[in-house]
Every structure is written in structure tokens, then in C-alpha cells.
Amino acid sequence: MVPSGDEAFDPRVDALFDAAWKDDADSVTDLLDQGTRIGALGSRGLPALYAATENNSLRAFHCLLARGASVHTYGNEENWTPLSHAVEYEVLCVTDDVTPELETNLIVPLLSRGADPRVDAPPLRCSPLEYAHRLAEQGNTRKLGERLLELFREG
């Protein structure tokens, strides 16, 4: 949700989003130290963790989590969660041959902080857990789906 006209807009929130997108953990830390609210939604209607997860900005992602970013925050009107973004990103990297196997740099930290793989993510047309089950049922993505299911059980 974009801040309404009744709320004072803090330009540092957009700066935090941009720093997270660029994986500039030093700027993320500085902005948070200056009092920028970690879960605030900027002019795009999105929190900084959305940017870090969407762009695989690992340093900024870990910085935001360490400083208390909510793993339950929805990214936008489509109801993407940080976990649904992480699953989508990491699955695409494997299926597009960017990485040979599932990397869990985003998924495991989110699960360890309580992200729920059962929360429905409409763009996936299901929850990350159901998405993993679907992948496991297909021949070409079976191993990928099985690995995700294993992570969800461990998480």
C-alpha cells in the first residue's frame, strides 16, 4: 500500500529500497541507523526486503533480516511474500541454467525466521509449498521440487 496523503512521506524509505536493490549493505545500515523504518512502504508501495529478495541482493538481504525485517511482509498488491519471491528466483535460476542446482541463500534464512511456505501467493497460483509439490510431480523439475520440499520440512 502506498502511503496516503495523510501520512508524511519519508524519502529515506525510497533510498532504503534503492540501496537494498543495489545490494549496498553499508547504505542500508546507515539509513536504518538514521531511523528509517525497516518495514515502511515507499513510493512504489514496497518494503526494502522486497527489493533485496527480488534482485538477489544477498548482503542487503542479510542486513535487513539481521535488523528485524519482517519475513511475513507482502511485497505488493499481488501478495508476493519474501519466500515466494525467493522460491521463484531460485527456481528460475536453475531452470534457466544460471545455476546447476538450487541455491538456498534466500530460502533458508527466511524459513529459519518463520516464513510460512503454506501462505498462498497468487502469482504462483498457489503457496510455495504447493508449488514445490507441483515441481516434484514433473519429470524435468522433480529433483528441484523434492529439494524445496526437504527445505520446507527442515524449516
Protein backbone atom coordinates (compact mmCIF):
# COMPACT_ATOMS: atom_id res chain seq x y z
CA MET A 1 0.00 0.00 0.00
CA VAL A 2 1.40 3.39 -1.00
CA PRO A 3 1.34 5.94 1.80
CA SER A 4 -1.81 8.03 1.71
CA GLY A 5 -1.84 11.79 1.52
CA ASP A 6 -2.41 11.90 5.28
CA GLU A 7 0.94 10.26 6.02
CA ALA A 8 4.21 12.16 5.84
CA PHE A 9 6.41 10.57 3.19
CA ASP A 10 9.99 9.92 4.24
CA PRO A 11 12.31 9.97 1.19
CA ARG A 12 14.74 7.78 3.13
CA VAL A 13 12.32 4.88 2.60
CA ASP A 14 12.86 5.03 -1.16
CA ALA A 15 16.60 5.41 -0.57
CA LEU A 16 16.48 2.25 1.58
CA PHE A 17 14.60 0.38 -1.17
CA ASP A 18 17.16 1.52 -3.76
CA ALA A 19 20.11 0.59 -1.54
CA ALA A 20 18.61 -2.87 -0.97
CA TRP A 21 18.07 -3.31 -4.71
CA LYS A 22 21.71 -2.34 -5.41
CA ASP A 23 22.95 -4.65 -2.61
CA ASP A 24 24.53 -1.68 -0.84
CA ALA A 25 24.53 -3.05 2.70
CA ASP A 26 26.53 -0.09 4.02
CA SER A 27 23.85 2.37 2.86
CA VAL A 28 21.12 0.07 4.20
CA THR A 29 22.83 0.10 7.60
CA ASP A 30 23.34 3.88 7.52
CA LEU A 31 19.70 4.54 6.60
CA LEU A 32 18.43 2.25 9.34
CA ASP A 33 20.80 3.90 11.83
CA GLN A 34 19.28 7.25 10.81
CA GLY A 35 15.86 5.98 11.85
CA THR A 36 14.38 4.83 8.56
CA ARG A 37 11.62 2.34 9.37
CA ILE A 38 12.67 -1.07 8.10
CA GLY A 39 9.20 -2.21 7.05
CA ALA A 40 7.98 1.10 5.69
CA LEU A 41 6.48 1.11 2.22
CA GLY A 42 7.99 3.62 -0.17
CA SER A 43 6.52 5.35 -3.18
CA ARG A 44 6.36 2.01 -5.02
CA GLY A 45 4.26 0.55 -2.21
CA LEU A 46 7.01 -1.93 -1.37
CA PRO A 47 9.35 -2.57 1.58
CA ALA A 48 13.14 -2.82 1.22
CA LEU A 49 13.17 -6.59 1.82
CA TYR A 50 11.11 -6.95 -1.35
CA ALA A 51 13.90 -5.25 -3.33
CA ALA A 52 16.65 -7.36 -1.79
CA THR A 53 14.77 -10.60 -2.39
CA GLU A 54 13.61 -9.68 -5.89
CA ASN A 55 17.13 -8.76 -7.02
CA ASN A 56 19.00 -11.46 -5.06
CA SER A 57 20.90 -8.74 -3.19
CA LEU A 58 22.37 -11.07 -0.58
CA ARG A 59 24.36 -8.59 1.53
CA ALA A 60 21.40 -6.21 1.82
CA PHE A 61 19.01 -9.14 2.34
CA HIS A 62 21.01 -10.48 5.29
CA CYS A 63 21.46 -6.98 6.71
CA LEU A 64 17.71 -6.33 6.61
CA LEU A 65 16.93 -9.68 8.23
CA ALA A 66 19.54 -9.09 10.94
CA ARG A 67 17.95 -5.72 11.68
CA GLY A 68 14.47 -7.22 12.04
CA ALA A 69 12.75 -7.02 8.65
CA SER A 70 9.52 -9.00 8.67
CA VAL A 71 9.60 -12.21 6.64
CA HIS A 72 5.80 -12.05 6.53
CA THR A 73 5.54 -8.72 4.73
CA TYR A 74 3.68 -8.84 1.46
CA GLY A 75 5.52 -7.13 -1.33
CA ASN A 76 2.64 -5.67 -3.31
CA GLU A 77 -0.97 -6.00 -4.35
CA GLU A 78 -0.23 -9.38 -5.91
CA ASN A 79 0.57 -10.78 -2.43
CA TRP A 80 4.14 -11.82 -3.11
CA THR A 81 5.89 -12.71 0.12
CA PRO A 82 9.68 -12.69 0.54
CA LEU A 83 9.56 -16.51 0.48
CA SER A 84 7.52 -16.69 -2.71
CA HIS A 85 9.99 -14.31 -4.36
CA ALA A 86 12.93 -16.37 -3.14
CA VAL A 87 11.41 -19.60 -4.42
CA GLU A 88 10.57 -18.08 -7.78
CA TYR A 89 14.04 -16.52 -8.16
CA GLU A 90 15.97 -19.62 -7.19
CA VAL A 91 13.82 -21.97 -9.29
CA LEU A 92 14.22 -19.70 -12.33
CA CYS A 93 18.00 -19.69 -11.89
CA VAL A 94 18.04 -23.49 -12.05
CA THR A 95 15.55 -23.90 -14.87
CA ASP A 96 17.27 -21.18 -16.93
CA ASP A 97 20.67 -22.87 -16.34
CA VAL A 98 22.03 -19.89 -14.40
CA THR A 99 22.93 -22.22 -11.52
CA PRO A 100 23.38 -26.00 -11.70
CA GLU A 101 21.36 -26.68 -8.57
CA LEU A 102 19.09 -24.92 -6.13
CA GLU A 103 20.90 -22.32 -4.09
CA THR A 104 19.27 -21.66 -0.77
CA ASN A 105 20.81 -18.28 0.08
CA LEU A 106 17.38 -16.67 0.31
CA ILE A 107 15.08 -19.54 1.20
CA VAL A 108 16.82 -20.97 4.28
CA PRO A 109 17.19 -17.66 6.17
CA LEU A 110 13.53 -16.82 5.54
CA LEU A 111 12.38 -20.23 6.76
CA SER A 112 14.62 -20.04 9.83
CA ARG A 113 12.91 -16.75 10.75
CA GLY A 114 9.44 -18.21 10.46
CA ALA A 115 8.38 -17.61 6.85
CA ASP A 116 5.41 -19.88 6.17
CA PRO A 117 5.59 -21.87 2.91
CA ARG A 118 1.82 -22.53 3.18
CA VAL A 119 0.85 -18.88 2.60
CA ASP A 120 -0.86 -18.53 -0.76
CA ALA A 121 0.98 -16.44 -3.36
CA PRO A 122 -1.45 -15.75 -6.21
CA PRO A 123 1.24 -15.12 -8.84
CA LEU A 124 2.44 -18.69 -8.23
CA ARG A 125 -1.26 -19.66 -8.28
CA CYS A 126 -0.58 -21.49 -5.02
CA SER A 127 1.62 -21.44 -1.94
CA PRO A 128 5.38 -22.08 -2.21
CA LEU A 129 4.70 -25.47 -0.59
CA GLU A 130 2.12 -26.43 -3.22
CA TYR A 131 4.44 -25.08 -5.92
CA ALA A 132 7.18 -27.41 -4.66
CA HIS A 133 4.76 -30.35 -4.78
CA ARG A 134 3.89 -29.47 -8.39
CA LEU A 135 7.56 -29.26 -9.35
CA ALA A 136 8.21 -32.63 -7.70
CA GLU A 137 5.49 -34.22 -9.83
CA GLN A 138 7.08 -33.14 -13.13
CA GLY A 139 9.91 -35.12 -14.68
CA ASN A 140 12.22 -32.23 -15.55
CA THR A 141 11.81 -30.43 -12.22
CA ARG A 142 11.31 -33.40 -9.90
CA LYS A 143 14.65 -33.05 -8.08
CA LEU A 144 14.14 -29.32 -7.68
CA GLY A 145 10.69 -29.82 -6.17
CA GLU A 146 11.97 -32.55 -3.87
CA ARG A 147 14.77 -30.26 -2.63
CA LEU A 148 12.28 -27.48 -1.91
CA LEU A 149 10.03 -29.89 -0.02
CA GLU A 150 13.02 -31.02 2.02
CA LEU A 151 13.84 -27.41 2.89
CA PHE A 152 10.25 -26.71 3.90
CA ARG A 153 10.23 -29.76 6.18
CA GLU A 154 13.53 -28.68 7.78
CA GLY A 155 12.50 -25.02 8.06
